[in-house]
């Protein structure tokens, strides 16, 4: 079962929203992920951090959601937290997500990096 947890914090006029995902991201829940991401990605003055450290699997439907969010946000407003050595990080590396999103090892580090830009 996939779970989504939303946390919102403001800093220096920029609202940083952290969406933590646990479980698997695939065709069965990509629409829910898209709805949650869209609610943030297309709001002015908001940065989005997706915490994927507890995601065990991601498929092309979920990857499409991430790239769609990246189009709605700039690299300075969109970050992904992933475990450095995991199947998820390898998949994200292969598809080139680092070209369109800021990657980080922790939510706090990424939140600070996005707030500073």
Protein backbone atom coordinates (compact mmCIF):
# COMPACT_ATOMS: atom_id res chain seq x y z
CA UNK A 1 0.00 0.00 0.00
CA UNK A 2 1.32 3.41 -0.95
CA UNK A 3 0.97 6.27 1.49
CA UNK A 4 1.28 10.00 0.85
CA UNK A 5 2.09 12.51 3.61
CA UNK A 6 2.07 16.27 3.02
CA UNK A 7 3.94 18.86 5.11
CA UNK A 8 4.04 22.59 4.37
CA UNK A 9 6.52 25.13 5.72
CA UNK A 10 7.26 28.70 4.77
CA UNK A 11 10.68 30.32 4.68
CA UNK A 12 11.77 33.71 3.35
CA UNK A 13 8.63 34.16 1.28
CA UNK A 14 8.96 30.72 -0.28
CA UNK A 15 6.61 28.01 0.84
CA UNK A 16 8.32 24.63 0.74
CA UNK A 17 5.98 21.66 0.57
CA UNK A 18 7.35 18.21 1.39
CA UNK A 19 5.45 15.24 0.00
CA UNK A 20 6.68 11.99 1.53
CA UNK A 21 5.81 8.83 -0.35
CA UNK A 22 6.02 5.33 1.11
CA UNK A 23 5.58 2.13 -0.88
CA UNK A 24 5.54 1.69 -4.64
CA UNK A 25 4.81 4.28 -7.32
CA UNK A 26 3.21 2.71 -10.36
CA UNK A 27 0.25 2.87 -12.69
CA UNK A 28 -2.17 2.03 -9.87
CA UNK A 29 -1.41 5.24 -7.95
CA UNK A 30 0.24 7.57 -10.48
CA UNK A 31 -3.00 9.57 -10.80
CA UNK A 32 -3.10 10.21 -7.05
CA UNK A 33 0.56 11.25 -7.13
CA UNK A 34 -0.18 13.57 -10.05
CA UNK A 35 -3.10 15.20 -8.23
CA UNK A 36 -1.02 15.79 -5.11
CA UNK A 37 1.96 17.11 -7.06
CA UNK A 38 -0.21 19.34 -9.29
CA UNK A 39 -1.79 20.94 -6.23
CA UNK A 40 1.68 22.24 -5.36
CA UNK A 41 3.55 22.45 -8.66
CA UNK A 42 1.26 24.99 -10.22
CA UNK A 43 1.04 27.34 -7.23
CA UNK A 44 3.19 30.49 -7.37
CA UNK A 45 5.78 30.95 -4.64
CA UNK A 46 5.93 27.28 -3.79
CA UNK A 47 8.77 24.78 -3.93
CA UNK A 48 8.15 21.05 -3.85
CA UNK A 49 10.35 18.42 -2.23
CA UNK A 50 9.38 14.83 -2.95
CA UNK A 51 10.81 12.49 -0.33
CA UNK A 52 11.21 9.15 -2.10
CA UNK A 53 13.51 7.54 0.47
CA UNK A 54 10.81 5.01 1.38
CA UNK A 55 9.80 4.16 -2.18
CA UNK A 56 10.71 0.61 -3.19
CA UNK A 57 9.68 0.77 -6.86
CA UNK A 58 8.86 3.39 -9.49
CA UNK A 59 7.51 2.80 -12.99
CA UNK A 60 7.18 4.92 -16.12
CA UNK A 61 3.75 6.28 -15.16
CA UNK A 62 5.15 7.75 -11.95
CA UNK A 63 8.29 8.98 -13.75
CA UNK A 64 6.01 10.83 -16.16
CA UNK A 65 4.42 12.60 -13.17
CA UNK A 66 7.87 13.69 -11.96
CA UNK A 67 8.89 15.07 -15.35
CA UNK A 68 5.51 16.82 -15.70
CA UNK A 69 6.06 18.48 -12.33
CA UNK A 70 9.52 19.55 -13.43
CA UNK A 71 7.97 21.33 -16.41
CA UNK A 72 5.60 23.18 -14.07
CA UNK A 73 8.39 24.15 -11.68
CA UNK A 74 11.96 25.21 -12.25
CA UNK A 75 14.93 23.17 -11.04
CA UNK A 76 15.24 25.76 -8.26
CA UNK A 77 11.74 24.90 -7.03
CA UNK A 78 11.62 21.11 -7.46
CA UNK A 79 13.67 18.61 -5.50
CA UNK A 80 13.77 14.88 -4.96
CA UNK A 81 15.17 13.16 -1.89
CA UNK A 82 16.38 9.65 -2.63
CA UNK A 83 18.64 7.12 -0.96
CA UNK A 84 22.01 7.45 -2.74
CA UNK A 85 22.39 3.72 -3.33
CA UNK A 86 19.02 2.27 -4.28
CA UNK A 87 17.10 0.97 -7.24
CA UNK A 88 15.13 4.22 -7.27
CA UNK A 89 18.23 6.42 -7.46
CA UNK A 90 19.62 4.28 -10.28
CA UNK A 91 16.35 4.55 -12.22
CA UNK A 92 16.24 8.33 -11.73
CA UNK A 93 19.86 8.58 -12.86
CA UNK A 94 19.18 6.59 -16.03
CA UNK A 95 16.21 8.75 -17.05
CA UNK A 96 18.13 11.98 -16.38
CA UNK A 97 15.92 13.47 -13.68
CA UNK A 98 18.88 15.43 -12.28
CA UNK A 99 18.69 17.64 -15.39
CA UNK A 100 15.29 18.96 -14.32
CA UNK A 101 15.20 18.51 -10.53
CA UNK A 102 17.52 19.17 -7.62
CA UNK A 103 18.55 15.93 -5.92
CA UNK A 104 19.46 15.65 -2.26
CA UNK A 105 20.13 13.16 0.47
CA UNK A 106 17.85 14.64 3.13
CA UNK A 107 14.67 16.69 3.32
CA UNK A 108 16.31 19.36 5.49
CA UNK A 109 19.28 19.82 3.14
CA UNK A 110 17.05 20.04 0.10
CA UNK A 111 14.59 22.39 1.81
CA UNK A 112 17.49 24.70 2.68
CA UNK A 113 18.91 24.52 -0.85
CA UNK A 114 15.57 25.38 -2.45
CA UNK A 115 14.91 28.19 0.03
CA UNK A 116 18.31 29.73 -0.75
CA UNK A 117 17.67 30.06 -4.49
